[in-house]
């Protein structure tokens, strides 16, 4: 039987290198995110907080912390990360339970997704960490325990069980979009790792039924689904942001209205600095600005997937694939929602949306990607 491999077979020599293309893509996306946030949030910040720099200043502070997180995740050896994986998984699980604990939780609109951070005067969303934890666990499991075709069918239950547990907890936090992203991401990594599709189908069917039940037992989610299928439904409620985001995008035209011009988007889309920030960028810079963003995102994805193909171990290859796919999928999901091609969700745009949780986790993912390109040596692989 011919077995396709997702990583290159090459002599394991100590010759660490840094993928400069990937680093450039990360820096450009990061810088573009800060620029977009300033352009789209200045007027709202002046109106709501009497400070046009309110959002960009807070994001710059989180960017400083994000840089530290990126450097640390870049420098930590892979074998150390894998040895600490039980603690990473356990810590992530506990953090995901904290949004349900009174006094620690910071619920909003009935959703229990955040925990309060009084020393920062902000909140943190633990579900963001699940994306990294799940990718690390599945990558490590398939590298250590799946050695033969028979192992693929016999050892698939543990990663599926872990994936379902974490997806379920996030779903109970009333964060359906992140739960769906985590679930799809986990199964994609397992499929690329070589898991048999026949073994995954039953779990996919059961998970799909559970998610449908979760959607149709909530009036709020049903209304969002109806709003997606009927653009004229509840234009002052469920469809309000989507309709006005489309208006902002269409107002941008081919060249856009320019920085600081045509700021109708601020009045049209509430709190545009978060989930719908892409519509503000489209109005300011038009089709060319949108095209530039997608080309930059495609360049990042290309470097990430190239890193996967060039990785020296299965763990590194799966890690690069999972982290790259996570950022890419989340970016496309957010843009799809803003453009109205996907139902409304509360998912952020990596690097760009205002929010410390998303930025810190994205920085950690990028640090781990750079880690794969630099620390993938024979000594680390042998020590696992």
Protein backbone atom coordinates (compact mmCIF):
# COMPACT_ATOMS: atom_id res chain seq x y z
CA UNK A 1 0.00 0.00 0.00
CA UNK A 2 1.31 3.46 -0.91
CA UNK A 3 1.16 5.89 1.97
CA UNK A 4 1.41 9.62 1.33
CA UNK A 5 3.54 11.57 3.75
CA UNK A 6 3.01 15.19 4.68
CA UNK A 7 6.60 15.89 5.64
CA UNK A 8 9.85 15.51 3.78
CA UNK A 9 12.17 12.59 4.33
CA UNK A 10 15.64 14.11 4.60
CA UNK A 11 18.79 13.61 6.66
CA UNK A 12 18.34 15.00 10.16
CA UNK A 13 21.18 17.47 10.54
CA UNK A 14 21.56 20.33 12.93
CA UNK A 15 21.05 23.38 10.76
CA UNK A 16 18.34 25.55 12.27
CA UNK A 17 16.91 28.34 10.18
CA UNK A 18 14.16 30.89 10.37
CA UNK A 19 11.52 31.19 7.66
CA UNK A 20 11.96 34.85 6.79
CA UNK A 21 8.96 34.80 4.46
CA UNK A 22 6.70 33.64 7.28
CA UNK A 23 8.19 36.25 9.62
CA UNK A 24 7.58 39.01 7.07
CA UNK A 25 3.97 37.86 6.60
CA UNK A 26 3.37 37.92 10.36
CA UNK A 27 4.86 41.40 10.74
CA UNK A 28 2.85 42.77 7.82
CA UNK A 29 -0.42 41.27 9.07
CA UNK A 30 0.28 42.58 12.56
CA UNK A 31 1.10 46.07 11.31
CA UNK A 32 -1.87 46.12 8.97
CA UNK A 33 -4.10 45.10 11.85
CA UNK A 34 -2.97 48.06 13.96
CA UNK A 35 -3.48 50.41 11.01
CA UNK A 36 -6.98 49.07 10.29
CA UNK A 37 -7.96 49.28 13.95
CA UNK A 38 -6.87 52.92 14.17
CA UNK A 39 -8.67 53.86 10.95
CA UNK A 40 -11.89 52.16 11.99
CA UNK A 41 -11.99 52.97 15.70
CA UNK A 42 -10.76 56.56 15.98
CA UNK A 43 -14.12 58.28 15.61
CA UNK A 44 -15.98 55.77 17.77
CA UNK A 45 -13.31 56.08 20.46
CA UNK A 46 -13.67 59.87 20.42
CA UNK A 47 -17.43 59.60 20.69
CA UNK A 48 -17.65 56.88 23.35
CA UNK A 49 -14.51 57.58 25.44
CA UNK A 50 -13.54 61.14 24.42
CA UNK A 51 -10.26 59.69 23.12
CA UNK A 52 -9.74 58.83 19.46
CA UNK A 53 -6.70 56.74 20.46
CA UNK A 54 -8.52 54.72 23.11
CA UNK A 55 -8.65 51.41 21.23
CA UNK A 56 -5.31 51.64 19.47
CA UNK A 57 -3.49 52.45 22.73
CA UNK A 58 -4.95 49.41 24.49
CA UNK A 59 -4.19 47.24 21.47
CA UNK A 60 -0.59 48.46 21.43
CA UNK A 61 -0.22 47.42 25.06
CA UNK A 62 -1.57 43.97 24.22
CA UNK A 63 0.76 43.90 21.19
CA UNK A 64 3.70 44.39 23.56
CA UNK A 65 2.51 41.43 25.64
CA UNK A 66 1.88 39.51 22.43
CA UNK A 67 5.45 40.09 21.33
CA UNK A 68 6.69 38.59 24.60
CA UNK A 69 4.37 35.59 24.14
CA UNK A 70 5.59 35.13 20.56
CA UNK A 71 9.25 35.22 21.56
CA UNK A 72 8.74 32.74 24.41
CA UNK A 73 6.77 30.29 22.25
CA UNK A 74 9.44 30.65 19.58
CA UNK A 75 12.33 29.90 21.93
CA UNK A 76 10.87 26.99 23.92
CA UNK A 77 12.14 23.64 22.53
CA UNK A 78 9.54 21.34 21.04
CA UNK A 79 10.45 18.43 23.31
CA UNK A 80 9.79 20.62 26.37
CA UNK A 81 6.39 21.66 25.00
CA UNK A 82 5.46 18.03 24.44
CA UNK A 83 6.55 17.02 27.94
CA UNK A 84 4.44 19.82 29.38
CA UNK A 85 1.41 18.88 27.27
CA UNK A 86 -0.54 17.23 30.15
CA UNK A 87 -0.20 20.46 32.13
CA UNK A 88 -1.17 22.53 29.09
CA UNK A 89 -4.30 20.45 28.53
CA UNK A 90 -5.24 20.41 32.22
CA UNK A 91 -4.66 24.14 32.60
CA UNK A 92 -6.72 24.92 29.51
CA UNK A 93 -9.54 22.70 30.79
CA UNK A 94 -9.60 24.48 34.16
CA UNK A 95 -9.50 27.91 32.52
CA UNK A 96 -12.46 26.94 30.33
CA UNK A 97 -14.47 26.16 33.48
CA UNK A 98 -13.71 29.50 35.16
CA UNK A 99 -16.25 31.52 33.08
CA UNK A 100 -18.95 29.61 35.00
CA UNK A 101 -17.51 30.52 38.44
CA UNK A 102 -19.21 33.51 40.12
CA UNK A 103 -16.79 36.25 41.07
CA UNK A 104 -14.29 35.21 38.41
CA UNK A 105 -16.62 35.08 35.43
CA UNK A 106 -17.44 38.17 33.39
CA UNK A 107 -20.67 37.23 31.53
CA UNK A 108 -22.00 39.40 28.73
CA UNK A 109 -25.45 39.17 27.15
CA UNK A 110 -26.01 35.79 28.80
CA UNK A 111 -22.78 34.29 27.41
CA UNK A 112 -20.17 32.87 29.80
CA UNK A 113 -17.01 33.20 27.71
CA UNK A 114 -14.78 35.54 29.69
CA UNK A 115 -12.94 35.70 32.99
CA UNK A 116 -12.14 39.00 34.68
CA UNK A 117 -8.54 40.25 34.90
CA UNK A 118 -8.76 43.09 37.47
CA UNK A 119 -5.01 43.81 37.36
CA UNK A 120 -5.32 44.62 33.64
CA UNK A 121 -8.79 46.11 33.83
CA UNK A 122 -9.83 43.71 31.09
CA UNK A 123 -11.12 40.19 30.45
CA UNK A 124 -9.71 37.02 28.89
CA UNK A 125 -11.48 34.43 26.74
CA UNK A 126 -10.10 30.95 27.61
CA UNK A 127 -11.70 29.29 24.58
CA UNK A 128 -9.04 30.96 22.43
CA UNK A 129 -6.42 28.75 24.09
CA UNK A 130 -8.33 25.61 23.15
CA UNK A 131 -7.35 26.05 19.50
CA UNK A 132 -3.66 25.71 20.40
CA UNK A 133 -4.17 22.96 22.99
CA UNK A 134 -6.20 20.77 20.62
CA UNK A 135 -3.69 21.11 17.78
CA UNK A 136 -0.79 20.30 20.13
CA UNK A 137 -2.55 17.25 21.57
CA UNK A 138 -3.60 15.75 18.24
CA UNK A 139 -0.20 16.42 16.65
CA UNK A 140 1.59 14.78 19.57
CA UNK A 141 -0.79 11.82 19.71
CA UNK A 142 -0.52 10.90 16.05
CA UNK A 143 3.25 11.29 16.11
CA UNK A 144 3.78 9.12 19.21
CA UNK A 145 1.07 6.45 18.97
CA UNK A 146 0.06 6.10 15.31
CA UNK A 147 2.85 4.12 13.67
CA UNK A 148 1.02 1.52 11.53
CA UNK A 149 -2.25 1.42 9.54
CA UNK A 150 -3.78 -0.70 12.33
CA UNK A 151 -3.01 2.01 14.89
CA UNK A 152 -5.07 4.52 12.93
CA UNK A 153 -8.31 2.70 13.65
CA UNK A 154 -7.41 1.46 17.14
CA UNK A 155 -6.08 4.72 18.60
CA UNK A 156 -8.40 7.34 17.17
CA UNK A 157 -10.79 7.46 20.15
CA UNK A 158 -8.59 9.46 22.62
CA UNK A 159 -8.05 12.50 20.34
CA UNK A 160 -11.71 12.45 19.27
CA UNK A 161 -12.79 12.27 22.91
CA UNK A 162 -10.56 15.21 23.89
CA UNK A 163 -11.79 17.21 20.90
CA UNK A 164 -15.45 16.59 21.76
CA UNK A 165 -14.92 17.49 25.43
CA UNK A 166 -13.30 20.83 24.66
CA UNK A 167 -15.73 21.67 21.85
CA UNK A 168 -18.62 20.85 24.18
CA UNK A 169 -17.32 23.09 26.98
CA UNK A 170 -16.86 26.00 24.57
CA UNK A 171 -20.36 25.42 23.21
CA UNK A 172 -21.79 25.54 26.74
CA UNK A 173 -20.14 28.95 27.07
CA UNK A 174 -22.59 30.04 24.36
CA UNK A 175 -19.78 30.37 21.82
CA UNK A 176 -21.04 28.22 18.98
CA UNK A 177 -18.77 29.69 16.29
CA UNK A 178 -15.53 29.04 18.22
CA UNK A 179 -16.76 25.56 19.16
CA UNK A 180 -17.44 24.78 15.50
CA UNK A 181 -14.04 26.15 14.48
CA UNK A 182 -12.26 24.01 17.08
CA UNK A 183 -14.16 20.89 16.06
CA UNK A 184 -13.54 21.30 12.33
CA UNK A 185 -9.90 22.20 12.94
CA UNK A 186 -9.35 19.10 15.07
CA UNK A 187 -10.84 16.77 12.49
CA UNK A 188 -8.84 18.39 9.70
CA UNK A 189 -5.61 17.77 11.62
CA UNK A 190 -6.62 14.15 12.27
CA UNK A 191 -7.50 13.62 8.62
CA UNK A 192 -4.18 15.06 7.44
CA UNK A 193 -2.41 12.92 10.06
CA UNK A 194 -3.77 9.85 8.33
CA UNK A 195 -6.87 8.95 10.32
CA UNK A 196 -9.24 6.81 8.29
CA UNK A 197 -12.24 8.73 7.06
CA UNK A 198 -14.50 5.76 7.82
CA UNK A 199 -13.51 5.96 11.46
CA UNK A 200 -14.23 9.68 11.62
CA UNK A 201 -17.64 9.66 9.93
CA UNK A 202 -19.66 8.30 12.90
CA UNK A 203 -18.19 10.95 15.19
CA UNK A 204 -18.87 13.64 12.60
CA UNK A 205 -22.51 12.57 12.30
CA UNK A 206 -23.06 12.54 16.06
CA UNK A 207 -21.33 15.89 16.49
CA UNK A 208 -23.35 17.37 13.63
CA UNK A 209 -26.62 16.24 15.24
CA UNK A 210 -25.53 17.68 18.60
CA UNK A 211 -24.71 21.04 17.00
CA UNK A 212 -28.03 21.14 15.15
CA UNK A 213 -29.83 20.42 18.41
CA UNK A 214 -27.87 23.21 20.07
CA UNK A 215 -28.82 25.67 17.32
CA UNK A 216 -32.52 24.82 17.10
CA UNK A 217 -33.08 24.92 20.85
CA UNK A 218 -32.16 28.62 20.92
CA UNK A 219 -34.52 31.26 19.54
CA UNK A 220 -31.60 33.65 19.19
CA UNK A 221 -29.63 31.24 16.97
CA UNK A 222 -32.69 30.28 14.94
CA UNK A 223 -33.33 33.96 14.23
CA UNK A 224 -29.73 34.35 13.10
CA UNK A 225 -30.13 31.38 10.75
CA UNK A 226 -33.36 32.82 9.32
CA UNK A 227 -31.64 36.20 8.93
CA UNK A 228 -28.86 34.54 6.95
CA UNK A 229 -31.29 32.85 4.58
CA UNK A 230 -33.52 35.95 4.28
CA UNK A 231 -31.56 39.25 4.10
CA UNK A 232 -34.79 41.24 4.57
CA UNK A 233 -35.65 39.55 7.86
CA UNK A 234 -35.37 41.64 11.05
CA UNK A 235 -33.12 44.32 9.54
CA UNK A 236 -33.18 46.23 12.85
CA UNK A 237 -32.29 43.16 14.92
CA UNK A 238 -30.68 39.89 13.80
CA UNK A 239 -29.72 41.29 10.38
CA UNK A 240 -28.78 44.80 11.50
CA UNK A 241 -25.00 44.43 11.50
CA UNK A 242 -24.85 42.33 8.34
CA UNK A 243 -27.03 44.68 6.29
CA UNK A 244 -25.08 47.75 7.38
CA UNK A 245 -21.73 46.00 6.92
CA UNK A 246 -22.70 45.24 3.33
CA UNK A 247 -23.63 48.89 2.87
CA UNK A 248 -20.24 49.97 4.20
CA UNK A 249 -18.45 47.52 1.89
CA UNK A 250 -20.37 48.67 -1.18
CA UNK A 251 -19.69 52.32 -0.30
CA UNK A 252 -15.99 51.62 -0.57
CA UNK A 253 -16.17 50.90 -4.28
CA UNK A 254 -12.93 50.14 -6.10
CA UNK A 255 -10.54 52.62 -4.46
CA UNK A 256 -12.33 53.29 -1.18
CA UNK A 257 -13.08 56.56 0.59
CA UNK A 258 -9.58 56.89 2.06
CA UNK A 259 -8.33 57.15 5.63
CA UNK A 260 -10.59 59.30 7.74
CA UNK A 261 -13.06 59.90 4.94
CA UNK A 262 -16.62 58.66 4.56
CA UNK A 263 -16.84 57.43 8.15
CA UNK A 264 -20.50 56.47 7.79
CA UNK A 265 -19.43 52.99 8.87
CA UNK A 266 -19.08 54.18 12.46
CA UNK A 267 -22.77 55.01 12.61
CA UNK A 268 -23.87 52.01 10.57
CA UNK A 269 -22.07 49.17 12.34
CA UNK A 270 -22.08 49.12 16.17
CA UNK A 271 -18.66 48.58 17.78
CA UNK A 272 -17.03 48.15 14.41
CA UNK A 273 -13.63 47.67 16.03
CA UNK A 274 -14.47 44.03 16.91
CA UNK A 275 -16.10 41.38 14.72
CA UNK A 276 -17.09 43.64 11.81
CA UNK A 277 -13.88 45.61 11.43
CA UNK A 278 -13.34 44.16 7.96
CA UNK A 279 -16.29 46.22 6.66
CA UNK A 280 -14.60 49.41 7.88
CA UNK A 281 -11.40 48.52 6.05
CA UNK A 282 -13.38 47.73 2.88
CA UNK A 283 -15.11 51.13 3.01
CA UNK A 284 -11.88 53.01 3.64
CA UNK A 285 -9.68 51.25 1.06
CA UNK A 286 -12.19 49.67 -1.31
CA UNK A 287 -11.65 46.60 -3.46
CA UNK A 288 -7.90 47.19 -3.73
CA UNK A 289 -7.53 47.25 0.05
CA UNK A 290 -9.56 44.05 0.38
CA UNK A 291 -7.50 42.39 -2.35
CA UNK A 292 -4.28 43.45 -0.63
CA UNK A 293 -5.42 41.89 2.64
CA UNK A 294 -6.36 38.58 1.02
CA UNK A 295 -3.07 38.44 -0.91
CA UNK A 296 -1.19 38.95 2.36
CA UNK A 297 -3.29 36.27 4.07
CA UNK A 298 -2.63 33.91 1.14
CA UNK A 299 1.10 34.58 1.42
CA UNK A 300 0.98 33.74 5.14
CA UNK A 301 -0.92 30.51 4.42
CA UNK A 302 1.53 29.56 1.67
CA UNK A 303 4.51 29.97 3.98
CA UNK A 304 2.75 28.07 6.77
CA UNK A 305 1.82 25.11 4.57
CA UNK A 306 5.26 25.11 2.96
CA UNK A 307 6.70 24.85 6.44
CA UNK A 308 4.46 21.83 7.00
CA UNK A 309 5.78 20.12 3.89
CA UNK A 310 9.39 20.82 4.84
CA UNK A 311 9.11 19.74 8.48
CA UNK A 312 11.41 16.99 9.66
CA UNK A 313 8.94 15.25 11.98
CA UNK A 314 5.27 14.38 11.90
CA UNK A 315 4.65 16.41 15.04
CA UNK A 316 6.15 19.55 13.50
CA UNK A 317 4.28 19.01 10.24
CA UNK A 318 0.90 18.57 11.94
CA UNK A 319 1.57 21.49 14.27
CA UNK A 320 2.38 23.79 11.35
CA UNK A 321 -0.70 22.60 9.46
CA UNK A 322 -3.03 23.02 12.43
CA UNK A 323 -1.83 26.47 13.47
CA UNK A 324 -1.81 27.81 9.92
CA UNK A 325 -5.26 26.38 9.26
CA UNK A 326 -6.62 27.86 12.49
CA UNK A 327 -5.62 31.41 11.56
CA UNK A 328 -6.68 30.97 7.93
CA UNK A 329 -10.07 29.39 8.73
CA UNK A 330 -10.91 31.98 11.37
CA UNK A 331 -9.98 34.82 9.02
CA UNK A 332 -12.13 33.43 6.21
CA UNK A 333 -15.04 32.75 8.58
CA UNK A 334 -14.98 36.33 9.85
CA UNK A 335 -14.83 37.81 6.35
CA UNK A 336 -17.59 35.45 5.23
CA UNK A 337 -19.85 36.63 8.05
CA UNK A 338 -19.16 40.32 7.32
CA UNK A 339 -19.90 39.81 3.62
CA UNK A 340 -23.07 37.84 4.38
CA UNK A 341 -22.00 34.51 2.89
CA UNK A 342 -22.01 32.84 6.33
CA UNK A 343 -24.47 33.14 9.24
CA UNK A 344 -23.66 35.76 11.86
CA UNK A 345 -21.19 34.59 14.50
CA UNK A 346 -19.10 36.28 17.15
CA UNK A 347 -15.73 35.22 15.76
CA UNK A 348 -12.90 37.74 15.53
CA UNK A 349 -10.53 38.57 12.67
CA UNK A 350 -7.00 37.46 13.67
CA UNK A 351 -4.40 40.25 13.96
CA UNK A 352 -7.03 42.89 13.23
CA UNK A 353 -10.08 42.78 15.53
CA UNK A 354 -9.78 44.66 18.82
CA UNK A 355 -9.32 42.28 21.74
CA UNK A 356 -6.42 41.01 23.81
CA UNK A 357 -7.41 37.33 23.97
CA UNK A 358 -7.45 36.86 20.21
CA UNK A 359 -4.23 38.83 19.68
CA UNK A 360 -2.26 37.02 22.39
CA UNK A 361 -3.29 33.57 21.15
CA UNK A 362 -2.57 34.53 17.55
CA UNK A 363 0.90 35.71 18.60
CA UNK A 364 1.46 32.41 20.41
CA UNK A 365 0.47 30.50 17.28
CA UNK A 366 2.87 32.55 15.16
CA UNK A 367 5.66 31.99 17.69
CA UNK A 368 5.08 28.24 17.50
CA UNK A 369 5.14 28.36 13.70
CA UNK A 370 8.49 30.14 13.82
CA UNK A 371 9.55 27.57 16.41
CA UNK A 372 8.87 24.78 13.91
CA UNK A 373 11.04 26.50 11.30
CA UNK A 374 13.95 27.07 13.67
CA UNK A 375 14.07 24.39 16.37
CA UNK A 376 13.36 21.29 14.32
CA UNK A 377 16.68 19.50 14.94
CA UNK A 378 17.58 15.85 15.43
CA UNK A 379 18.48 16.37 19.09
CA UNK A 380 14.97 17.61 19.93
CA UNK A 381 13.27 14.79 18.08
CA UNK A 382 15.36 12.11 19.77
CA UNK A 383 14.65 13.42 23.25
CA UNK A 384 10.86 12.98 22.99
